[in-house]
Full PDB file with SEQRES, HELIX, SHEET, SSBOND, CRYST1, ORIGX, SCALE, CONECT and MASTER records, all heavy atoms in Angstrom:
SEQRES   1 A   42  LEU PRO ALA GLU THR THR ILE ASP ARG ILE VAL VAL GLU          
SEQRES   2 A   42  LYS SER ALA ARG ARG LEU SER ILE PHE THR ASP GLY LYS          
SEQRES   3 A   42  LYS LEU LYS THR TYR ARG ILE ALA LEU GLY ARG ASN PRO          
SEQRES   4 A   42  ILE GLY ALA                                                  
SHEET    1 AA1 3 ARG A   9  GLU A  13  0                                        
SHEET    2 AA1 3 ARG A  18  THR A  23 -1                                        
SHEET    3 AA1 3 LYS A  26  ARG A  32 -1                                        
CRYST1    1.000    1.000    1.000  90.00  90.00  90.00 P 1           1          
ORIGX1      1.000000  0.000000  0.000000        0.00000                         
ORIGX2      0.000000  1.000000  0.000000        0.00000                         
ORIGX3      0.000000  0.000000  1.000000        0.00000                         
SCALE1      1.000000  0.000000  0.000000        0.00000                         
SCALE2      0.000000  1.000000  0.000000        0.00000                         
SCALE3      0.000000  0.000000  1.000000        0.00000                         
ATOM      1  N   LEU A   1      70.663 240.530 189.726  1.00  0.00           N  
ATOM      2  CA  LEU A   1      69.418 240.163 190.362  1.00  0.00           C  
ATOM      3  C   LEU A   1      69.698 238.921 191.288  1.00  0.00           C  
ATOM      4  O   LEU A   1      70.531 238.092 190.951  1.00  0.00           O  
ATOM      5  CB  LEU A   1      68.389 239.653 189.241  1.00  0.00           C  
ATOM      6  CG  LEU A   1      67.948 240.753 188.340  1.00  0.00           C  
ATOM      7  CD1 LEU A   1      67.159 240.104 187.160  1.00  0.00           C  
ATOM      8  CD2 LEU A   1      67.036 241.706 189.095  1.00  0.00           C  
ATOM      9  N   PRO A   2      68.957 238.871 192.441  1.00  0.00           N  
ATOM     10  CA  PRO A   2      69.111 237.686 193.294  1.00  0.00           C  
ATOM     11  C   PRO A   2      68.855 236.403 192.580  1.00  0.00           C  
ATOM     12  O   PRO A   2      68.097 236.315 191.697  1.00  0.00           O  
ATOM     13  CB  PRO A   2      68.074 238.018 194.387  1.00  0.00           C  
ATOM     14  CG  PRO A   2      67.808 239.539 194.341  1.00  0.00           C  
ATOM     15  CD  PRO A   2      67.970 239.817 192.879  1.00  0.00           C  
ATOM     16  N   ALA A   3      69.437 235.299 193.070  1.00  0.00           N  
ATOM     17  CA  ALA A   3      69.385 234.054 192.451  1.00  0.00           C  
ATOM     18  C   ALA A   3      67.966 233.541 192.326  1.00  0.00           C  
ATOM     19  O   ALA A   3      67.613 232.829 191.315  1.00  0.00           O  
ATOM     20  CB  ALA A   3      70.236 233.026 193.200  1.00  0.00           C  
ATOM     21  N   GLU A   4      67.160 233.769 193.260  1.00  0.00           N  
ATOM     22  CA  GLU A   4      65.801 233.281 193.313  1.00  0.00           C  
ATOM     23  C   GLU A   4      64.721 234.055 192.392  1.00  0.00           C  
ATOM     24  O   GLU A   4      63.571 233.706 192.330  1.00  0.00           O  
ATOM     25  CB  GLU A   4      65.243 233.163 194.636  1.00  0.00           C  
ATOM     26  CG  GLU A   4      64.965 234.473 195.386  1.00  0.00           C  
ATOM     27  CD  GLU A   4      66.183 235.166 195.987  1.00  0.00           C  
ATOM     28  OE1 GLU A   4      67.348 234.555 195.856  1.00  0.00           O  
ATOM     29  OE2 GLU A   4      66.074 236.347 196.444  1.00  0.00           O  
ATOM     30  N   THR A   5      65.167 235.081 191.731  1.00  0.00           N  
ATOM     31  CA  THR A   5      64.325 235.878 190.962  1.00  0.00           C  
ATOM     32  C   THR A   5      63.664 235.214 189.784  1.00  0.00           C  
ATOM     33  O   THR A   5      64.335 234.439 189.059  1.00  0.00           O  
ATOM     34  CB  THR A   5      65.151 237.138 190.446  1.00  0.00           C  
ATOM     35  OG1 THR A   5      65.694 237.829 191.575  1.00  0.00           O  
ATOM     36  CG2 THR A   5      64.214 238.093 189.621  1.00  0.00           C  
ATOM     37  N   THR A   6      62.396 235.418 189.565  1.00  0.00           N  
ATOM     38  CA  THR A   6      61.659 234.966 188.377  1.00  0.00           C  
ATOM     39  C   THR A   6      60.793 236.141 187.897  1.00  0.00           C  
ATOM     40  O   THR A   6      60.109 236.802 188.693  1.00  0.00           O  
ATOM     41  CB  THR A   6      60.849 233.753 188.742  1.00  0.00           C  
ATOM     42  OG1 THR A   6      61.607 232.761 189.286  1.00  0.00           O  
ATOM     43  CG2 THR A   6      60.069 233.251 187.504  1.00  0.00           C  
ATOM     44  N   ILE A   7      60.859 236.314 186.552  1.00  0.00           N  
ATOM     45  CA  ILE A   7      60.055 237.455 185.990  1.00  0.00           C  
ATOM     46  C   ILE A   7      58.854 236.903 185.324  1.00  0.00           C  
ATOM     47  O   ILE A   7      58.726 235.673 185.051  1.00  0.00           O  
ATOM     48  CB  ILE A   7      60.871 238.264 185.014  1.00  0.00           C  
ATOM     49  CG1 ILE A   7      61.307 237.484 183.818  1.00  0.00           C  
ATOM     50  CG2 ILE A   7      62.089 238.836 185.734  1.00  0.00           C  
ATOM     51  CD1 ILE A   7      61.851 238.355 182.675  1.00  0.00           C  
ATOM     52  N   ASP A   8      57.823 237.793 185.026  1.00  0.00           N  
ATOM     53  CA  ASP A   8      56.686 237.388 184.306  1.00  0.00           C  
ATOM     54  C   ASP A   8      56.357 238.276 183.068  1.00  0.00           C  
ATOM     55  O   ASP A   8      55.378 238.058 182.340  1.00  0.00           O  
ATOM     56  CB  ASP A   8      55.445 237.339 185.237  1.00  0.00           C  
ATOM     57  CG  ASP A   8      55.177 238.630 185.952  1.00  0.00           C  
ATOM     58  OD1 ASP A   8      55.555 239.704 185.411  1.00  0.00           O  
ATOM     59  OD2 ASP A   8      54.562 238.589 187.004  1.00  0.00           O  
ATOM     60  N   ARG A   9      57.178 239.346 182.886  1.00  0.00           N  
ATOM     61  CA  ARG A   9      56.919 240.225 181.713  1.00  0.00           C  
ATOM     62  C   ARG A   9      58.244 240.867 181.310  1.00  0.00           C  
ATOM     63  O   ARG A   9      59.057 241.246 182.160  1.00  0.00           O  
ATOM     64  CB  ARG A   9      55.879 241.279 182.163  1.00  0.00           C  
ATOM     65  CG  ARG A   9      55.476 242.176 180.981  1.00  0.00           C  
ATOM     66  CD  ARG A   9      54.323 243.073 181.475  1.00  0.00           C  
ATOM     67  NE  ARG A   9      53.790 243.835 180.338  1.00  0.00           N  
ATOM     68  CZ  ARG A   9      52.823 243.277 179.473  1.00  0.00           C  
ATOM     69  NH1 ARG A   9      52.460 242.076 179.632  1.00  0.00           N  
ATOM     70  NH2 ARG A   9      52.374 244.030 178.580  1.00  0.00           N  
ATOM     71  N   ILE A  10      58.411 240.985 179.998  1.00  0.00           N  
ATOM     72  CA  ILE A  10      59.530 241.704 179.385  1.00  0.00           C  
ATOM     73  C   ILE A  10      58.952 242.796 178.467  1.00  0.00           C  
ATOM     74  O   ILE A  10      57.984 242.498 177.683  1.00  0.00           O  
ATOM     75  CB  ILE A  10      60.404 240.805 178.537  1.00  0.00           C  
ATOM     76  CG1 ILE A  10      61.087 239.747 179.352  1.00  0.00           C  
ATOM     77  CG2 ILE A  10      61.508 241.572 177.755  1.00  0.00           C  
ATOM     78  CD1 ILE A  10      61.760 238.578 178.601  1.00  0.00           C  
ATOM     79  N   VAL A  11      59.391 244.041 178.639  1.00  0.00           N  
ATOM     80  CA  VAL A  11      58.877 245.102 177.802  1.00  0.00           C  
ATOM     81  C   VAL A  11      60.077 245.690 177.058  1.00  0.00           C  
ATOM     82  O   VAL A  11      61.065 246.178 177.705  1.00  0.00           O  
ATOM     83  CB  VAL A  11      58.164 246.231 178.589  1.00  0.00           C  
ATOM     84  CG1 VAL A  11      57.816 247.396 177.708  1.00  0.00           C  
ATOM     85  CG2 VAL A  11      56.923 245.564 179.320  1.00  0.00           C  
ATOM     86  N   VAL A  12      60.021 245.654 175.769  1.00  0.00           N  
ATOM     87  CA  VAL A  12      61.108 246.296 174.877  1.00  0.00           C  
ATOM     88  C   VAL A  12      60.520 247.559 174.342  1.00  0.00           C  
ATOM     89  O   VAL A  12      59.526 247.577 173.692  1.00  0.00           O  
ATOM     90  CB  VAL A  12      61.490 245.339 173.778  1.00  0.00           C  
ATOM     91  CG1 VAL A  12      62.490 246.024 172.829  1.00  0.00           C  
ATOM     92  CG2 VAL A  12      62.057 244.035 174.340  1.00  0.00           C  
ATOM     93  N   GLU A  13      61.256 248.675 174.597  1.00  0.00           N  
ATOM     94  CA  GLU A  13      60.880 249.987 174.079  1.00  0.00           C  
ATOM     95  C   GLU A  13      61.916 250.175 172.981  1.00  0.00           C  
ATOM     96  O   GLU A  13      62.998 250.662 173.287  1.00  0.00           O  
ATOM     97  CB  GLU A  13      60.898 251.024 175.184  1.00  0.00           C  
ATOM     98  CG  GLU A  13      59.856 250.795 176.265  1.00  0.00           C  
ATOM     99  CD  GLU A  13      60.172 251.666 177.416  1.00  0.00           C  
ATOM    100  OE1 GLU A  13      59.651 252.795 177.487  1.00  0.00           O  
ATOM    101  OE2 GLU A  13      60.912 251.241 178.311  1.00  0.00           O  
ATOM    102  N   LYS A  14      61.492 249.981 171.723  1.00  0.00           N  
ATOM    103  CA  LYS A  14      62.445 250.051 170.590  1.00  0.00           C  
ATOM    104  C   LYS A  14      63.103 251.404 170.479  1.00  0.00           C  
ATOM    105  O   LYS A  14      64.326 251.568 170.302  1.00  0.00           O  
ATOM    106  CB  LYS A  14      61.722 249.611 169.252  1.00  0.00           C  
ATOM    107  CG  LYS A  14      61.466 248.133 169.225  1.00  0.00           C  
ATOM    108  CD  LYS A  14      60.579 247.774 168.079  1.00  0.00           C  
ATOM    109  CE  LYS A  14      61.061 248.290 166.716  1.00  0.00           C  
ATOM    110  NZ  LYS A  14      60.270 247.833 165.625  1.00  0.00           N  
ATOM    111  N   SER A  15      62.227 252.514 170.559  1.00  0.00           N  
ATOM    112  CA  SER A  15      62.839 253.829 170.269  1.00  0.00           C  
ATOM    113  C   SER A  15      63.816 254.284 171.398  1.00  0.00           C  
ATOM    114  O   SER A  15      64.733 254.975 171.078  1.00  0.00           O  
ATOM    115  CB  SER A  15      61.656 254.845 170.216  1.00  0.00           C  
ATOM    116  OG  SER A  15      60.952 254.865 171.425  1.00  0.00           O  
ATOM    117  N   ALA A  16      63.673 253.712 172.582  1.00  0.00           N  
ATOM    118  CA  ALA A  16      64.601 254.020 173.686  1.00  0.00           C  
ATOM    119  C   ALA A  16      65.760 253.042 173.777  1.00  0.00           C  
ATOM    120  O   ALA A  16      66.607 253.206 174.591  1.00  0.00           O  
ATOM    121  CB  ALA A  16      63.823 254.092 174.954  1.00  0.00           C  
ATOM    122  N   ARG A  17      65.702 251.928 172.927  1.00  0.00           N  
ATOM    123  CA  ARG A  17      66.710 250.873 172.972  1.00  0.00           C  
ATOM    124  C   ARG A  17      66.802 250.376 174.396  1.00  0.00           C  
ATOM    125  O   ARG A  17      67.877 250.252 174.960  1.00  0.00           O  
ATOM    126  CB  ARG A  17      68.076 251.331 172.549  1.00  0.00           C  
ATOM    127  CG  ARG A  17      68.152 251.889 171.080  1.00  0.00           C  
ATOM    128  CD  ARG A  17      67.647 250.886 170.004  1.00  0.00           C  
ATOM    129  NE  ARG A  17      67.829 251.374 168.692  1.00  0.00           N  
ATOM    130  CZ  ARG A  17      66.997 252.175 168.050  1.00  0.00           C  
ATOM    131  NH1 ARG A  17      65.926 252.698 168.615  1.00  0.00           N  
ATOM    132  NH2 ARG A  17      67.166 252.539 166.793  1.00  0.00           N  
ATOM    133  N   ARG A  18      65.636 249.976 174.916  1.00  0.00           N  
ATOM    134  CA  ARG A  18      65.593 249.632 176.377  1.00  0.00           C  
ATOM    135  C   ARG A  18      64.718 248.316 176.533  1.00  0.00           C  
ATOM    136  O   ARG A  18      63.688 248.278 175.892  1.00  0.00           O  
ATOM    137  CB  ARG A  18      65.014 250.739 177.149  1.00  0.00           C  
ATOM    138  CG  ARG A  18      64.907 250.580 178.636  1.00  0.00           C  
ATOM    139  CD  ARG A  18      64.550 251.894 179.313  1.00  0.00           C  
ATOM    140  NE  ARG A  18      63.380 252.597 178.744  1.00  0.00           N  
ATOM    141  CZ  ARG A  18      63.319 253.926 178.638  1.00  0.00           C  
ATOM    142  NH1 ARG A  18      64.218 254.674 179.113  1.00  0.00           N  
ATOM    143  NH2 ARG A  18      62.238 254.478 178.118  1.00  0.00           N  
ATOM    144  N   LEU A  19      65.231 247.363 177.344  1.00  0.00           N  
ATOM    145  CA  LEU A  19      64.434 246.146 177.673  1.00  0.00           C  
ATOM    146  C   LEU A  19      64.236 246.213 179.150  1.00  0.00           C  
ATOM    147  O   LEU A  19      65.283 246.261 179.893  1.00  0.00           O  
ATOM    148  CB  LEU A  19      65.175 244.909 177.192  1.00  0.00           C  
ATOM    149  CG  LEU A  19      64.533 243.518 177.521  1.00  0.00           C  
ATOM    150  CD1 LEU A  19      65.019 242.575 176.400  1.00  0.00           C  
ATOM    151  CD2 LEU A  19      64.793 243.045 178.885  1.00  0.00           C  
ATOM    152  N   SER A  20      63.054 246.107 179.699  1.00  0.00           N  
ATOM    153  CA  SER A  20      62.810 246.151 181.111  1.00  0.00           C  
ATOM    154  C   SER A  20      62.182 244.828 181.512  1.00  0.00           C  
ATOM    155  O   SER A  20      61.323 244.288 180.733  1.00  0.00           O  
ATOM    156  CB  SER A  20      61.886 247.307 181.502  1.00  0.00           C  
ATOM    157  OG  SER A  20      62.532 248.564 181.199  1.00  0.00           O  
ATOM    158  N   ILE A  21      62.408 244.347 182.675  1.00  0.00           N  
ATOM    159  CA  ILE A  21      61.789 243.151 183.177  1.00  0.00           C  
ATOM    160  C   ILE A  21      61.024 243.458 184.423  1.00  0.00           C  
ATOM    161  O   ILE A  21      61.295 244.262 185.232  1.00  0.00           O  
ATOM    162  CB  ILE A  21      62.919 242.091 183.432  1.00  0.00           C  
ATOM    163  CG1 ILE A  21      63.975 242.492 184.415  1.00  0.00           C  
ATOM    164  CG2 ILE A  21      63.484 241.624 182.124  1.00  0.00           C  
ATOM    165  CD1 ILE A  21      65.002 241.407 184.723  1.00  0.00           C  
ATOM    166  N   PHE A  22      59.888 242.708 184.531  1.00  0.00           N  
ATOM    167  CA  PHE A  22      58.910 242.933 185.578  1.00  0.00           C  
ATOM    168  C   PHE A  22      58.540 241.655 186.246  1.00  0.00           C  
ATOM    169  O   PHE A  22      58.504 240.508 185.698  1.00  0.00           O  
ATOM    170  CB  PHE A  22      57.626 243.498 185.035  1.00  0.00           C  
ATOM    171  CG  PHE A  22      57.865 244.847 184.317  1.00  0.00           C  
ATOM    172  CD1 PHE A  22      58.346 244.987 183.064  1.00  0.00           C  
ATOM    173  CD2 PHE A  22      57.526 245.988 185.066  1.00  0.00           C  
ATOM    174  CE1 PHE A  22      58.529 246.199 182.475  1.00  0.00           C  
ATOM    175  CE2 PHE A  22      57.648 247.237 184.455  1.00  0.00           C  
ATOM    176  CZ  PHE A  22      58.159 247.379 183.165  1.00  0.00           C  
ATOM    177  N   THR A  23      58.103 241.761 187.600  1.00  0.00           N  
ATOM    178  CA  THR A  23      57.481 240.709 188.354  1.00  0.00           C  
ATOM    179  C   THR A  23      56.244 241.375 189.011  1.00  0.00           C  
ATOM    180  O   THR A  23      56.392 242.378 189.745  1.00  0.00           O  
ATOM    181  CB  THR A  23      58.369 240.083 189.354  1.00  0.00           C  
ATOM    182  OG1 THR A  23      59.513 239.428 188.711  1.00  0.00           O  
ATOM    183  CG2 THR A  23      57.683 239.040 190.217  1.00  0.00           C  
ATOM    184  N   ASP A  24      55.093 240.788 188.723  1.00  0.00           N  
ATOM    185  CA  ASP A  24      53.813 241.238 189.369  1.00  0.00           C  
ATOM    186  C   ASP A  24      53.710 242.750 189.138  1.00  0.00           C  
ATOM    187  O   ASP A  24      53.352 243.502 190.156  1.00  0.00           O  
ATOM    188  CB  ASP A  24      53.779 240.949 190.875  1.00  0.00           C  
ATOM    189  CG  ASP A  24      53.794 239.481 191.103  1.00  0.00           C  
ATOM    190  OD1 ASP A  24      53.115 238.688 190.330  1.00  0.00           O  
ATOM    191  OD2 ASP A  24      54.387 238.973 192.132  1.00  0.00           O  
ATOM    192  N   GLY A  25      54.020 243.331 187.939  1.00  0.00           N  
ATOM    193  CA  GLY A  25      53.878 244.761 187.718  1.00  0.00           C  
ATOM    194  C   GLY A  25      55.004 245.628 188.222  1.00  0.00           C  
ATOM    195  O   GLY A  25      54.978 246.823 187.894  1.00  0.00           O  
ATOM    196  N   LYS A  26      55.907 245.136 188.950  1.00  0.00           N  
ATOM    197  CA  LYS A  26      57.021 245.886 189.456  1.00  0.00           C  
ATOM    198  C   LYS A  26      58.268 245.781 188.586  1.00  0.00           C  
ATOM    199  O   LYS A  26      58.726 244.607 188.364  1.00  0.00           O  
ATOM    200  CB  LYS A  26      57.353 245.395 190.868  1.00  0.00           C  
ATOM    201  CG  LYS A  26      58.452 246.153 191.570  1.00  0.00           C  
ATOM    202  CD  LYS A  26      58.830 245.642 192.941  1.00  0.00           C  
ATOM    203  CE  LYS A  26      59.938 246.450 193.506  1.00  0.00           C  
ATOM    204  NZ  LYS A  26      60.828 245.611 194.316  1.00  0.00           N  
ATOM    205  N   LYS A  27      58.776 246.873 188.175  1.00  0.00           N  
ATOM    206  CA  LYS A  27      59.944 246.823 187.302  1.00  0.00           C  
ATOM    207  C   LYS A  27      61.133 246.478 188.230  1.00  0.00           C  
ATOM    208  O   LYS A  27      61.457 247.082 189.237  1.00  0.00           O  
ATOM    209  CB  LYS A  27      60.225 248.218 186.680  1.00  0.00           C  
ATOM    210  CG  LYS A  27      61.360 248.210 185.715  1.00  0.00           C  
ATOM    211  CD  LYS A  27      61.725 249.526 185.159  1.00  0.00           C  
ATOM    212  CE  LYS A  27      60.722 250.141 184.294  1.00  0.00           C  
ATOM    213  NZ  LYS A  27      61.162 251.400 183.631  1.00  0.00           N  
ATOM    214  N   LEU A  28      61.932 245.456 187.746  1.00  0.00           N  
ATOM    215  CA  LEU A  28      63.087 244.982 188.472  1.00  0.00           C  
ATOM    216  C   LEU A  28      64.404 245.541 187.937  1.00  0.00           C  
ATOM    217  O   LEU A  28      65.282 245.781 188.679  1.00  0.00           O  
ATOM    218  CB  LEU A  28      63.153 243.433 188.481  1.00  0.00           C  
ATOM    219  CG  LEU A  28      61.993 242.621 189.082  1.00  0.00           C  
ATOM    220  CD1 LEU A  28      62.247 241.168 188.894  1.00  0.00           C  
ATOM    221  CD2 LEU A  28      61.731 243.026 190.499  1.00  0.00           C  
ATOM    222  N   LYS A  29      64.460 245.654 186.582  1.00  0.00           N  
ATOM    223  CA  LYS A  29      65.744 246.074 186.043  1.00  0.00           C  
ATOM    224  C   LYS A  29      65.487 246.439 184.628  1.00  0.00           C  
ATOM    225  O   LYS A  29      64.555 246.007 183.950  1.00  0.00           O  
ATOM    226  CB  LYS A  29      66.721 244.837 186.036  1.00  0.00           C  
ATOM    227  CG  LYS A  29      68.107 245.176 185.648  1.00  0.00           C  
ATOM    228  CD  LYS A  29      69.035 243.986 186.074  1.00  0.00           C  
ATOM    229  CE  LYS A  29      70.464 244.414 185.814  1.00  0.00           C  
ATOM    230  NZ  LYS A  29      71.357 243.395 186.245  1.00  0.00           N  
ATOM    231  N   THR A  30      66.394 247.290 184.051  1.00  0.00           N  
ATOM    232  CA  THR A  30      66.398 247.683 182.698  1.00  0.00           C  
ATOM    233  C   THR A  30      67.713 247.542 182.031  1.00  0.00           C  
ATOM    234  O   THR A  30      68.748 247.780 182.713  1.00  0.00           O  
ATOM    235  CB  THR A  30      66.030 249.187 182.544  1.00  0.00           C  
ATOM    236  OG1 THR A  30      64.658 249.336 183.093  1.00  0.00           O  
ATOM    237  CG2 THR A  30      66.016 249.693 181.146  1.00  0.00           C  
ATOM    238  N   TYR A  31      67.758 247.049 180.824  1.00  0.00           N  
ATOM    239  CA  TYR A  31      68.959 246.789 180.055  1.00  0.00           C  
ATOM    240  C   TYR A  31      68.959 247.652 178.840  1.00  0.00           C  
ATOM    241  O   TYR A  31      67.874 247.846 178.206  1.00  0.00           O  
ATOM    242  CB  TYR A  31      69.084 245.329 179.606  1.00  0.00           C  
ATOM    243  CG  TYR A  31      69.011 244.294 180.655  1.00  0.00           C  
ATOM    244  CD1 TYR A  31      67.788 243.760 181.044  1.00  0.00           C  
ATOM    245  CD2 TYR A  31      70.180 243.858 181.267  1.00  0.00           C  
ATOM    246  CE1 TYR A  31      67.726 242.812 182.014  1.00  0.00           C  
ATOM    247  CE2 TYR A  31      70.084 242.872 182.287  1.00  0.00           C  
ATOM    248  CZ  TYR A  31      68.831 242.322 182.681  1.00  0.00           C  
ATOM    249  OH  TYR A  31      68.749 241.387 183.647  1.00  0.00           O  
ATOM    250  N   ARG A  32      70.077 248.084 178.313  1.00  0.00           N  
ATOM    251  CA  ARG A  32      70.211 248.762 177.059  1.00  0.00           C  
ATOM    252  C   ARG A  32      70.425 247.720 175.981  1.00  0.00           C  
ATOM    253  O   ARG A  32      71.092 246.696 176.294  1.00  0.00           O  
ATOM    254  CB  ARG A  32      71.424 249.682 177.030  1.00  0.00           C  
ATOM    255  CG  ARG A  32      71.089 250.937 178.011  1.00  0.00           C  
ATOM    256  CD  ARG A  32      72.177 251.950 178.164  1.00  0.00           C  
ATOM    257  NE  ARG A  32      72.837 252.214 176.889  1.00  0.00           N  
ATOM    258  CZ  ARG A  32      74.178 252.342 176.833  1.00  0.00           C  
ATOM    259  NH1 ARG A  32      74.939 252.165 177.869  1.00  0.00           N  
ATOM    260  NH2 ARG A  32      74.669 252.561 175.636  1.00  0.00           N  
ATOM    261  N   ILE A  33      69.877 247.861 174.855  1.00  0.00           N  
ATOM    262  CA  ILE A  33      69.806 246.857 173.807  1.00  0.00           C  
ATOM    263  C   ILE A  33      70.246 247.399 172.394  1.00  0.00           C  
ATOM    264  O   ILE A  33      70.255 248.566 172.190  1.00  0.00           O  
ATOM    265  CB  ILE A  33      68.403 246.151 173.687  1.00  0.00           C  
ATOM    266  CG1 ILE A  33      67.424 247.253 173.365  1.00  0.00           C  
ATOM    267  CG2 ILE A  33      68.063 245.429 174.957  1.00  0.00           C  
ATOM    268  CD1 ILE A  33      65.990 246.795 173.090  1.00  0.00           C  
ATOM    269  N   ALA A  34      70.496 246.430 171.496  1.00  0.00           N  
ATOM    270  CA  ALA A  34      70.664 246.760 170.121  1.00  0.00           C  
ATOM    271  C   ALA A  34      69.453 245.954 169.401  1.00  0.00           C  
ATOM    272  O   ALA A  34      68.964 244.955 169.889  1.00  0.00           O  
ATOM    273  CB  ALA A  34      71.913 246.266 169.577  1.00  0.00           C  
ATOM    274  N   LEU A  35      68.974 246.473 168.298  1.00  0.00           N  
ATOM    275  CA  LEU A  35      67.824 245.895 167.562  1.00  0.00           C  
ATOM    276  C   LEU A  35      68.291 245.524 166.159  1.00  0.00           C  
ATOM    277  O   LEU A  35      69.441 245.548 165.789  1.00  0.00           O  
ATOM    278  CB  LEU A  35      66.726 246.923 167.476  1.00  0.00           C  
ATOM    279  CG  LEU A  35      66.195 247.462 168.791  1.00  0.00           C  
ATOM    280  CD1 LEU A  35      65.236 248.620 168.606  1.00  0.00           C  
ATOM    281  CD2 LEU A  35      65.414 246.346 169.487  1.00  0.00           C  
ATOM    282  N   GLY A  36      67.213 245.221 165.275  1.00  0.00           N  
ATOM    283  CA  GLY A  36      67.415 244.946 163.971  1.00  0.00           C  
ATOM    284  C   GLY A  36      68.069 246.181 163.248  1.00  0.00           C  
ATOM    285  O   GLY A  36      67.823 247.313 163.608  1.00  0.00           O  
ATOM    286  N   ARG A  37      68.735 245.957 162.074  1.00  0.00           N  
ATOM    287  CA  ARG A  37      69.462 247.068 161.413  1.00  0.00           C  
ATOM    288  C   ARG A  37      68.487 248.132 160.852  1.00  0.00           C  
ATOM    289  O   ARG A  37      68.938 249.223 160.505  1.00  0.00           O  
ATOM    290  CB  ARG A  37      70.327 246.417 160.319  1.00  0.00           C  
ATOM    291  CG  ARG A  37      71.512 245.706 160.793  1.00  0.00           C  
ATOM    292  CD  ARG A  37      72.379 245.263 159.639  1.00  0.00           C  
ATOM    293  NE  ARG A  37      71.836 244.133 158.949  1.00  0.00           N  
ATOM    294  CZ  ARG A  37      72.234 242.885 159.192  1.00  0.00           C  
ATOM    295  NH1 ARG A  37      73.182 242.548 159.956  1.00  0.00           N  
ATOM    296  NH2 ARG A  37      71.631 241.946 158.431  1.00  0.00           N  
ATOM    297  N   ASN A  38      67.235 247.822 160.759  1.00  0.00           N  
ATOM    298  CA  ASN A  38      66.319 248.769 160.233  1.00  0.00           C  
ATOM    299  C   ASN A  38      65.176 248.860 161.264  1.00  0.00           C  
ATOM    300  O   ASN A  38      64.043 248.406 161.047  1.00  0.00           O  
ATOM    301  CB  ASN A  38      65.709 248.231 158.906  1.00  0.00           C  
ATOM    302  CG  ASN A  38      64.789 249.178 158.163  1.00  0.00           C  
ATOM    303  OD1 ASN A  38      64.744 250.350 158.516  1.00  0.00           O  
ATOM    304  ND2 ASN A  38      64.042 248.683 157.241  1.00  0.00           N  
ATOM    305  N   PRO A  39      65.445 249.561 162.375  1.00  0.00           N  
ATOM    306  CA  PRO A  39      64.584 249.408 163.586  1.00  0.00           C  
ATOM    307  C   PRO A  39      63.306 250.199 163.673  1.00  0.00           C  
ATOM    308  O   PRO A  39      62.342 249.925 164.403  1.00  0.00           O  
ATOM    309  CB  PRO A  39      65.476 249.923 164.729  1.00  0.00           C  
ATOM    310  CG  PRO A  39      66.361 250.885 164.067  1.00  0.00           C  
ATOM    311  CD  PRO A  39      66.617 250.433 162.641  1.00  0.00           C  
ATOM    312  N   ILE A  40      63.079 251.136 162.688  1.00  0.00           N  
ATOM    313  CA  ILE A  40      61.867 251.990 162.747  1.00  0.00           C  
ATOM    314  C   ILE A  40      60.686 251.206 162.143  1.00  0.00           C  
ATOM    315  O   ILE A  40      60.808 250.762 160.959  1.00  0.00           O  
ATOM    316  CB  ILE A  40      62.037 253.344 161.974  1.00  0.00           C  
ATOM    317  CG1 ILE A  40      63.324 254.110 162.496  1.00  0.00           C  
ATOM    318  CG2 ILE A  40      60.797 254.178 162.009  1.00  0.00           C  
ATOM    319  CD1 ILE A  40      63.280 254.400 163.945  1.00  0.00           C  
ATOM    320  N   GLY A  41      59.606 251.134 162.804  1.00  0.00           N  
ATOM    321  CA  GLY A  41      58.434 250.430 162.340  1.00  0.00           C  
ATOM    322  C   GLY A  41      58.384 248.946 162.674  1.00  0.00           C  
ATOM    323  O   GLY A  41      59.402 248.323 163.112  1.00  0.00           O  
ATOM    324  N   ALA A  42      57.272 248.376 162.546  1.00  0.00           N  
ATOM    325  CA  ALA A  42      57.038 246.922 162.867  1.00  0.00           C  
ATOM    326  C   ALA A  42      57.552 246.038 161.811  1.00  0.00           C  
ATOM    327  O   ALA A  42      57.542 246.420 160.553  1.00  0.00           O  
ATOM    328  CB  ALA A  42      55.585 246.678 163.109  1.00  0.00           C  
TER     329      ALA A  42                                                      
MASTER        0    0    0    0    3    0    0    6  328    1    0    4          
END                                                                             
């Protein structure tokens, strides 16, 4: 991401193991993630 980037929202989709970042509703980037050892359910 460019140095001046600032985000306003992070969305984690647990089942997809994906974290996406947004600015003004526009998706900027997605990362692959690891979760808790027992990830199903809240």
